[in-house]
């Protein structure tokens, strides 16, 4: 895939443990939902989680961002119910 578009979603959490829980929830999805037009990576530094979505075109970038934001929202909600 030739990456021509990229978005970095920066998510700041109140503490490192919360960021770690969200990261652990999202990490299994890496590679599992990537397509021919999009990929994603995750990095965490303390309480900050970054999800980088890259895509070959803007439509794929929008779809990829929507997917990862939705997955993040679900992971956050699940963590709150603990």
PDB file of N, CA and C in Angstrom:
ATOM      1  N   UNK A   1       0.842  -1.182   0.000  1.00  0.00           N
ATOM      2  CA  UNK A   1       0.000   0.000   0.000  1.00  0.00           C
ATOM      3  C   UNK A   1       0.879   1.235   0.000  1.00  0.00           C
ATOM      4  N   UNK A   2       0.566   2.188  -0.842  1.00  0.00           N
ATOM      5  CA  UNK A   2       1.251   3.464  -0.855  1.00  0.00           C
ATOM      6  C   UNK A   2       0.452   4.422   0.013  1.00  0.00           C
ATOM      7  N   UNK A   3       1.045   4.837   1.121  1.00  0.00           N
ATOM      8  CA  UNK A   3       0.353   5.736   2.047  1.00  0.00           C
ATOM      9  C   UNK A   3       0.453   7.163   1.541  1.00  0.00           C
ATOM     10  N   UNK A   4      -0.689   7.770   1.285  1.00  0.00           N
ATOM     11  CA  UNK A   4      -0.671   9.148   0.846  1.00  0.00           C
ATOM     12  C   UNK A   4      -1.366  10.077   1.829  1.00  0.00           C
ATOM     13  N   UNK A   5      -2.122   9.511   2.764  1.00  0.00           N
ATOM     14  CA  UNK A   5      -2.853  10.321   3.749  1.00  0.00           C
ATOM     15  C   UNK A   5      -2.662   9.690   5.127  1.00  0.00           C
ATOM     16  N   UNK A   6      -2.582  10.559   6.147  1.00  0.00           N
ATOM     17  CA  UNK A   6      -2.368  10.058   7.501  1.00  0.00           C
ATOM     18  C   UNK A   6      -3.064  10.965   8.505  1.00  0.00           C
ATOM     19  N   UNK A   7      -3.621  10.349   9.529  1.00  0.00           N
ATOM     20  CA  UNK A   7      -4.188  11.075  10.663  1.00  0.00           C
ATOM     21  C   UNK A   7      -3.661  10.445  11.936  1.00  0.00           C
ATOM     22  N   UNK A   8      -3.281  11.279  12.888  1.00  0.00           N
ATOM     23  CA  UNK A   8      -2.851  10.792  14.195  1.00  0.00           C
ATOM     24  C   UNK A   8      -3.919  11.203  15.204  1.00  0.00           C
ATOM     25  N   UNK A   9      -4.538  10.201  15.808  1.00  0.00           N
ATOM     26  CA  UNK A   9      -5.537  10.432  16.845  1.00  0.00           C
ATOM     27  C   UNK A   9      -4.820  10.369  18.185  1.00  0.00           C
ATOM     28  N   UNK A  10      -4.755  11.478  18.902  1.00  0.00           N
ATOM     29  CA  UNK A  10      -4.070  11.539  20.190  1.00  0.00           C
ATOM     30  C   UNK A  10      -5.110  11.527  21.295  1.00  0.00           C
ATOM     31  N   UNK A  11      -5.019  10.529  22.157  1.00  0.00           N
ATOM     32  CA  UNK A  11      -6.003  10.331  23.218  1.00  0.00           C
ATOM     33  C   UNK A  11      -5.299  10.440  24.562  1.00  0.00           C
ATOM     34  N   UNK A  12      -5.662  11.448  25.345  1.00  0.00           N
ATOM     35  CA  UNK A  12      -5.077  11.653  26.667  1.00  0.00           C
ATOM     36  C   UNK A  12      -6.040  11.145  27.725  1.00  0.00           C
ATOM     37  N   UNK A  13      -5.521  10.334  28.647  1.00  0.00           N
ATOM     38  CA  UNK A  13      -6.328   9.748  29.717  1.00  0.00           C
ATOM     39  C   UNK A  13      -5.890  10.295  31.064  1.00  0.00           C
ATOM     40  N   UNK A  14      -6.754  10.177  32.064  1.00  0.00           N
ATOM     41  CA  UNK A  14      -6.419  10.727  33.382  1.00  0.00           C
ATOM     42  C   UNK A  14      -5.200  10.071  34.030  1.00  0.00           C
ATOM     43  N   UNK A  15      -4.947   8.801  33.672  1.00  0.00           N
ATOM     44  CA  UNK A  15      -3.792   8.113  34.253  1.00  0.00           C
ATOM     45  C   UNK A  15      -3.294   7.027  33.304  1.00  0.00           C
ATOM     46  N   UNK A  16      -2.101   6.553  33.593  1.00  0.00           N
ATOM     47  CA  UNK A  16      -1.448   5.565  32.739  1.00  0.00           C
ATOM     48  C   UNK A  16      -2.215   4.244  32.689  1.00  0.00           C
ATOM     49  N   UNK A  17      -2.797   3.845  33.805  1.00  0.00           N
ATOM     50  CA  UNK A  17      -3.545   2.576  33.842  1.00  0.00           C
ATOM     51  C   UNK A  17      -4.737   2.598  32.891  1.00  0.00           C
ATOM     52  N   UNK A  18      -5.449   3.694  32.847  1.00  0.00           N
ATOM     53  CA  UNK A  18      -6.594   3.806  31.930  1.00  0.00           C
ATOM     54  C   UNK A  18      -6.129   3.727  30.477  1.00  0.00           C
ATOM     55  N   UNK A  19      -5.062   4.418  30.147  1.00  0.00           N
ATOM     56  CA  UNK A  19      -4.522   4.366  28.784  1.00  0.00           C
ATOM     57  C   UNK A  19      -4.065   2.953  28.445  1.00  0.00           C
ATOM     58  N   UNK A  20      -3.464   2.269  29.396  1.00  0.00           N
ATOM     59  CA  UNK A  20      -2.994   0.899  29.175  1.00  0.00           C
ATOM     60  C   UNK A  20      -4.174  -0.042  28.897  1.00  0.00           C
ATOM     61  N   UNK A  21      -5.271   0.110  29.641  1.00  0.00           N
ATOM     62  CA  UNK A  21      -6.452  -0.744  29.430  1.00  0.00           C
ATOM     63  C   UNK A  21      -7.032  -0.534  28.038  1.00  0.00           C
ATOM     64  N   UNK A  22      -7.139   0.718  27.611  1.00  0.00           N
ATOM     65  CA  UNK A  22      -7.675   0.998  26.272  1.00  0.00           C
ATOM     66  C   UNK A  22      -6.726   0.427  25.212  1.00  0.00           C
ATOM     67  N   UNK A  23      -5.444   0.631  25.396  1.00  0.00           N
ATOM     68  CA  UNK A  23      -4.465   0.095  24.442  1.00  0.00           C
ATOM     69  C   UNK A  23      -4.584  -1.421  24.330  1.00  0.00           C
ATOM     70  N   UNK A  24      -4.675  -2.110  25.449  1.00  0.00           N
ATOM     71  CA  UNK A  24      -4.793  -3.572  25.437  1.00  0.00           C
ATOM     72  C   UNK A  24      -6.075  -4.029  24.760  1.00  0.00           C
ATOM     73  N   UNK A  25      -7.103  -3.243  24.863  1.00  0.00           N
ATOM     74  CA  UNK A  25      -8.360  -3.582  24.193  1.00  0.00           C
ATOM     75  C   UNK A  25      -8.252  -3.408  22.679  1.00  0.00           C
ATOM     76  N   UNK A  26      -7.515  -2.397  22.250  1.00  0.00           N
ATOM     77  CA  UNK A  26      -7.417  -2.096  20.831  1.00  0.00           C
ATOM     78  C   UNK A  26      -6.364  -2.921  20.104  1.00  0.00           C
ATOM     79  N   UNK A  27      -5.292  -3.265  20.786  1.00  0.00           N
ATOM     80  CA  UNK A  27      -4.148  -3.899  20.124  1.00  0.00           C
ATOM     81  C   UNK A  27      -4.515  -5.158  19.325  1.00  0.00           C
ATOM     82  N   UNK A  28      -5.389  -6.047  19.799  1.00  0.00           N
ATOM     83  CA  UNK A  28      -5.721  -7.236  19.001  1.00  0.00           C
ATOM     84  C   UNK A  28      -6.366  -6.914  17.644  1.00  0.00           C
ATOM     85  N   UNK A  29      -6.907  -5.727  17.498  1.00  0.00           N
ATOM     86  CA  UNK A  29      -7.553  -5.344  16.244  1.00  0.00           C
ATOM     87  C   UNK A  29      -6.553  -4.911  15.177  1.00  0.00           C
ATOM     88  N   UNK A  30      -5.331  -4.575  15.587  1.00  0.00           N
ATOM     89  CA  UNK A  30      -4.314  -4.171  14.615  1.00  0.00           C
ATOM     90  C   UNK A  30      -4.038  -5.331  13.663  1.00  0.00           C
ATOM     91  N   UNK A  31      -4.078  -5.050  12.404  1.00  0.00           N
ATOM     92  CA  UNK A  31      -3.848  -6.080  11.412  1.00  0.00           C
ATOM     93  C   UNK A  31      -5.084  -6.894  11.081  1.00  0.00           C
ATOM     94  N   UNK A  32      -5.971  -7.058  12.064  1.00  0.00           N
ATOM     95  CA  UNK A  32      -7.183  -7.855  11.848  1.00  0.00           C
ATOM     96  C   UNK A  32      -8.202  -7.111  10.989  1.00  0.00           C
ATOM     97  N   UNK A  33      -8.218  -5.780  11.090  1.00  0.00           N
ATOM     98  CA  UNK A  33      -9.214  -5.030  10.321  1.00  0.00           C
ATOM     99  C   UNK A  33      -8.591  -4.135   9.258  1.00  0.00           C
ATOM    100  N   UNK A  34      -7.285  -4.204   9.112  1.00  0.00           N
ATOM    101  CA  UNK A  34      -6.642  -3.433   8.038  1.00  0.00           C
ATOM    102  C   UNK A  34      -7.093  -3.970   6.685  1.00  0.00           C
ATOM    103  N   UNK A  35      -7.191  -3.084   5.744  1.00  0.00           N
ATOM    104  CA  UNK A  35      -7.567  -3.492   4.402  1.00  0.00           C
ATOM    105  C   UNK A  35      -6.461  -3.178   3.415  1.00  0.00           C
ATOM    106  N   UNK A  36      -6.798  -3.241   2.145  1.00  0.00           N
ATOM    107  CA  UNK A  36      -5.829  -2.913   1.104  1.00  0.00           C
ATOM    108  C   UNK A  36      -5.549  -1.420   1.063  1.00  0.00           C
ATOM    109  N   UNK A  37      -6.468  -0.607   1.630  1.00  0.00           N
ATOM    110  CA  UNK A  37      -6.351   0.842   1.512  1.00  0.00           C
ATOM    111  C   UNK A  37      -6.011   1.549   2.814  1.00  0.00           C
ATOM    112  N   UNK A  38      -6.101   0.852   3.967  1.00  0.00           N
ATOM    113  CA  UNK A  38      -5.816   1.496   5.253  1.00  0.00           C
ATOM    114  C   UNK A  38      -5.008   0.581   6.163  1.00  0.00           C
ATOM    115  N   UNK A  39      -4.235   1.201   7.034  1.00  0.00           N
ATOM    116  CA  UNK A  39      -3.541   0.500   8.112  1.00  0.00           C
ATOM    117  C   UNK A  39      -3.578   1.399   9.345  1.00  0.00           C
ATOM    118  N   UNK A  40      -3.315   0.803  10.495  1.00  0.00           N
ATOM    119  CA  UNK A  40      -3.285   1.574  11.737  1.00  0.00           C
ATOM    120  C   UNK A  40      -2.162   1.059  12.624  1.00  0.00           C
ATOM    121  N   UNK A  41      -1.618   1.957  13.434  1.00  0.00           N
ATOM    122  CA  UNK A  41      -0.622   1.594  14.439  1.00  0.00           C
ATOM    123  C   UNK A  41      -1.015   2.263  15.749  1.00  0.00           C
ATOM    124  N   UNK A  42      -0.572   1.670  16.845  1.00  0.00           N
ATOM    125  CA  UNK A  42      -0.807   2.223  18.182  1.00  0.00           C
ATOM    126  C   UNK A  42       0.518   2.424  18.888  1.00  0.00           C
ATOM    127  N   UNK A  43       0.636   3.541  19.588  1.00  0.00           N
ATOM    128  CA  UNK A  43       1.762   3.770  20.488  1.00  0.00           C
ATOM    129  C   UNK A  43       1.205   4.401  21.750  1.00  0.00           C
ATOM    130  N   UNK A  44       1.851   4.106  22.876  1.00  0.00           N
ATOM    131  CA  UNK A  44       1.425   4.709  24.145  1.00  0.00           C
ATOM    132  C   UNK A  44       2.642   5.218  24.875  1.00  0.00           C
ATOM    133  N   UNK A  45       2.517   6.431  25.408  1.00  0.00           N
ATOM    134  CA  UNK A  45       3.552   7.023  26.240  1.00  0.00           C
ATOM    135  C   UNK A  45       2.858   7.500  27.505  1.00  0.00           C
ATOM    136  N   UNK A  46       2.969   6.712  28.554  1.00  0.00           N
ATOM    137  CA  UNK A  46       2.299   7.059  29.800  1.00  0.00           C
ATOM    138  C   UNK A  46       0.794   7.053  29.630  1.00  0.00           C
ATOM    139  N   UNK A  47       0.174   8.196  29.890  1.00  0.00           N
ATOM    140  CA  UNK A  47      -1.284   8.309  29.828  1.00  0.00           C
ATOM    141  C   UNK A  47      -1.784   8.782  28.462  1.00  0.00           C
ATOM    142  N   UNK A  48      -0.880   8.841  27.475  1.00  0.00           N
ATOM    143  CA  UNK A  48      -1.262   9.285  26.128  1.00  0.00           C
ATOM    144  C   UNK A  48      -1.168   8.120  25.156  1.00  0.00           C
ATOM    145  N   UNK A  49      -2.252   7.889  24.438  1.00  0.00           N
ATOM    146  CA  UNK A  49      -2.325   6.838  23.433  1.00  0.00           C
ATOM    147  C   UNK A  49      -2.470   7.497  22.074  1.00  0.00           C
ATOM    148  N   UNK A  50      -1.662   7.056  21.106  1.00  0.00           N
ATOM    149  CA  UNK A  50      -1.770   7.577  19.751  1.00  0.00           C
ATOM    150  C   UNK A  50      -2.119   6.444  18.795  1.00  0.00           C
ATOM    151  N   UNK A  51      -3.115   6.711  17.984  1.00  0.00           N
ATOM    152  CA  UNK A  51      -3.509   5.787  16.928  1.00  0.00           C
ATOM    153  C   UNK A  51      -3.261   6.506  15.607  1.00  0.00           C
ATOM    154  N   UNK A  52      -2.360   5.956  14.801  1.00  0.00           N
ATOM    155  CA  UNK A  52      -2.051   6.541  13.501  1.00  0.00           C
ATOM    156  C   UNK A  52      -2.744   5.727  12.422  1.00  0.00           C
ATOM    157  N   UNK A  53      -3.598   6.382  11.667  1.00  0.00           N
ATOM    158  CA  UNK A  53      -4.328   5.746  10.580  1.00  0.00           C
ATOM    159  C   UNK A  53      -3.748   6.281   9.278  1.00  0.00           C
ATOM    160  N   UNK A  54      -3.321   5.380   8.397  1.00  0.00           N
ATOM    161  CA  UNK A  54      -2.811   5.771   7.089  1.00  0.00           C
ATOM    162  C   UNK A  54      -3.669   5.131   6.008  1.00  0.00           C
ATOM    163  N   UNK A  55      -3.806   5.840   4.898  1.00  0.00           N
ATOM    164  CA  UNK A  55      -4.676   5.357   3.827  1.00  0.00           C
ATOM    165  C   UNK A  55      -4.198   5.852   2.469  1.00  0.00           C
ATOM    166  N   UNK A  56      -4.649   5.157   1.445  1.00  0.00           N
ATOM    167  CA  UNK A  56      -4.275   5.522   0.081  1.00  0.00           C
ATOM    168  C   UNK A  56      -5.140   6.637  -0.485  1.00  0.00           C
ATOM    169  N   UNK A  57      -6.318   6.871   0.118  1.00  0.00           N
ATOM    170  CA  UNK A  57      -7.207   7.930  -0.370  1.00  0.00           C
ATOM    171  C   UNK A  57      -8.025   8.472   0.792  1.00  0.00           C
ATOM    172  N   UNK A  58      -8.653   9.613   0.581  1.00  0.00           N
ATOM    173  CA  UNK A  58      -9.380  10.286   1.665  1.00  0.00           C
ATOM    174  C   UNK A  58     -10.614   9.528   2.127  1.00  0.00           C
ATOM    175  N   UNK A  59     -11.292   8.835   1.229  1.00  0.00           N
ATOM    176  CA  UNK A  59     -12.473   8.049   1.629  1.00  0.00           C
ATOM    177  C   UNK A  59     -12.049   6.934   2.578  1.00  0.00           C
ATOM    178  N   UNK A  60     -10.967   6.259   2.247  1.00  0.00           N
ATOM    179  CA  UNK A  60     -10.459   5.189   3.109  1.00  0.00           C
ATOM    180  C   UNK A  60      -9.965   5.754   4.440  1.00  0.00           C
ATOM    181  N   UNK A  61      -9.363   6.931   4.418  1.00  0.00           N
ATOM    182  CA  UNK A  61      -8.897   7.564   5.653  1.00  0.00           C
ATOM    183  C   UNK A  61     -10.069   7.881   6.572  1.00  0.00           C
ATOM    184  N   UNK A  62     -11.127   8.445   6.016  1.00  0.00           N
ATOM    185  CA  UNK A  62     -12.317   8.741   6.814  1.00  0.00           C
ATOM    186  C   UNK A  62     -12.894   7.467   7.417  1.00  0.00           C
ATOM    187  N   UNK A  63     -13.012   6.430   6.626  1.00  0.00           N
ATOM    188  CA  UNK A  63     -13.555   5.166   7.120  1.00  0.00           C
ATOM    189  C   UNK A  63     -12.656   4.575   8.209  1.00  0.00           C
ATOM    190  N   UNK A  64     -11.358   4.630   8.002  1.00  0.00           N
ATOM    191  CA  UNK A  64     -10.428   4.118   8.999  1.00  0.00           C
ATOM    192  C   UNK A  64     -10.498   4.892  10.303  1.00  0.00           C
ATOM    193  N   UNK A  65     -10.578   6.203  10.219  1.00  0.00           N
ATOM    194  CA  UNK A  65     -10.700   7.030  11.432  1.00  0.00           C
ATOM    195  C   UNK A  65     -11.996   6.718  12.167  1.00  0.00           C
ATOM    196  N   UNK A  66     -13.089   6.602  11.429  1.00  0.00           N
ATOM    197  CA  UNK A  66     -14.369   6.262  12.054  1.00  0.00           C
ATOM    198  C   UNK A  66     -14.287   4.916  12.767  1.00  0.00           C
ATOM    199  N   UNK A  67     -13.651   3.944  12.127  1.00  0.00           N
ATOM    200  CA  UNK A  67     -13.519   2.618  12.729  1.00  0.00           C
ATOM    201  C   UNK A  67     -12.744   2.685  14.034  1.00  0.00           C
ATOM    202  N   UNK A  68     -11.589   3.340  14.018  1.00  0.00           N
ATOM    203  CA  UNK A  68     -10.745   3.381  15.214  1.00  0.00           C
ATOM    204  C   UNK A  68     -11.337   4.249  16.318  1.00  0.00           C
ATOM    205  N   UNK A  69     -12.024   5.308  15.958  1.00  0.00           N
ATOM    206  CA  UNK A  69     -12.695   6.112  16.987  1.00  0.00           C
ATOM    207  C   UNK A  69     -13.832   5.331  17.633  1.00  0.00           C
ATOM    208  N   UNK A  70     -14.550   4.549  16.841  1.00  0.00           N
ATOM    209  CA  UNK A  70     -15.624   3.724  17.396  1.00  0.00           C
ATOM    210  C   UNK A  70     -15.054   2.640  18.312  1.00  0.00           C
ATOM    211  N   UNK A  71     -14.003   1.968  17.871  1.00  0.00           N
ATOM    212  CA  UNK A  71     -13.376   0.943  18.708  1.00  0.00           C
ATOM    213  C   UNK A  71     -12.861   1.544  20.017  1.00  0.00           C
ATOM    214  N   UNK A  72     -12.290   2.734  19.927  1.00  0.00           N
ATOM    215  CA  UNK A  72     -11.797   3.413  21.132  1.00  0.00           C
ATOM    216  C   UNK A  72     -12.938   3.744  22.073  1.00  0.00           C
ATOM    217  N   UNK A  73     -14.029   4.239  21.537  1.00  0.00           N
ATOM    218  CA  UNK A  73     -15.189   4.572  22.353  1.00  0.00           C
ATOM    219  C   UNK A  73     -15.719   3.344  23.093  1.00  0.00           C
ATOM    220  N   UNK A  74     -15.790   2.221  22.405  1.00  0.00           N
ATOM    221  CA  UNK A  74     -16.253   0.982  23.026  1.00  0.00           C
ATOM    222  C   UNK A  74     -15.286   0.536  24.120  1.00  0.00           C
ATOM    223  N   UNK A  75     -13.985   0.614  23.852  1.00  0.00           N
ATOM    224  CA  UNK A  75     -12.982   0.229  24.850  1.00  0.00           C
ATOM    225  C   UNK A  75     -13.071   1.122  26.086  1.00  0.00           C
ATOM    226  N   UNK A  76     -13.276   2.412  25.883  1.00  0.00           N
ATOM    227  CA  UNK A  76     -13.411   3.333  27.016  1.00  0.00           C
ATOM    228  C   UNK A  76     -14.649   3.015  27.834  1.00  0.00           C
ATOM    229  N   UNK A  77     -15.775   2.776  27.159  1.00  0.00           N
ATOM    230  CA  UNK A  77     -17.029   2.474  27.858  1.00  0.00           C
ATOM    231  C   UNK A  77     -16.908   1.162  28.637  1.00  0.00           C
ATOM    232  N   UNK A  78     -16.263   0.174  28.051  1.00  0.00           N
ATOM    233  CA  UNK A  78     -16.087  -1.096  28.742  1.00  0.00           C
ATOM    234  C   UNK A  78     -15.210  -0.930  29.980  1.00  0.00           C
ATOM    235  N   UNK A  79     -14.207  -0.073  29.889  1.00  0.00           N
ATOM    236  CA  UNK A  79     -13.332   0.181  31.027  1.00  0.00           C
ATOM    237  C   UNK A  79     -14.032   0.899  32.155  1.00  0.00           C
ATOM    238  N   UNK A  80     -15.024   1.715  31.833  1.00  0.00           N
ATOM    239  CA  UNK A  80     -15.781   2.445  32.851  1.00  0.00           C
ATOM    240  C   UNK A  80     -16.707   1.523  33.628  1.00  0.00           C
ATOM    241  N   UNK A  81     -17.112   0.418  33.016  1.00  0.00           N
ATOM    242  CA  UNK A  81     -18.068  -0.473  33.674  1.00  0.00           C
ATOM    243  C   UNK A  81     -17.411  -1.422  34.658  1.00  0.00           C
ATOM    244  N   UNK A  82     -16.086  -1.342  34.781  1.00  0.00           N
ATOM    245  CA  UNK A  82     -15.347  -2.225  35.700  1.00  0.00           C
ATOM    246  C   UNK A  82     -15.609  -1.875  37.130  1.00  0.00           C
TER     247      UNK A  82
END
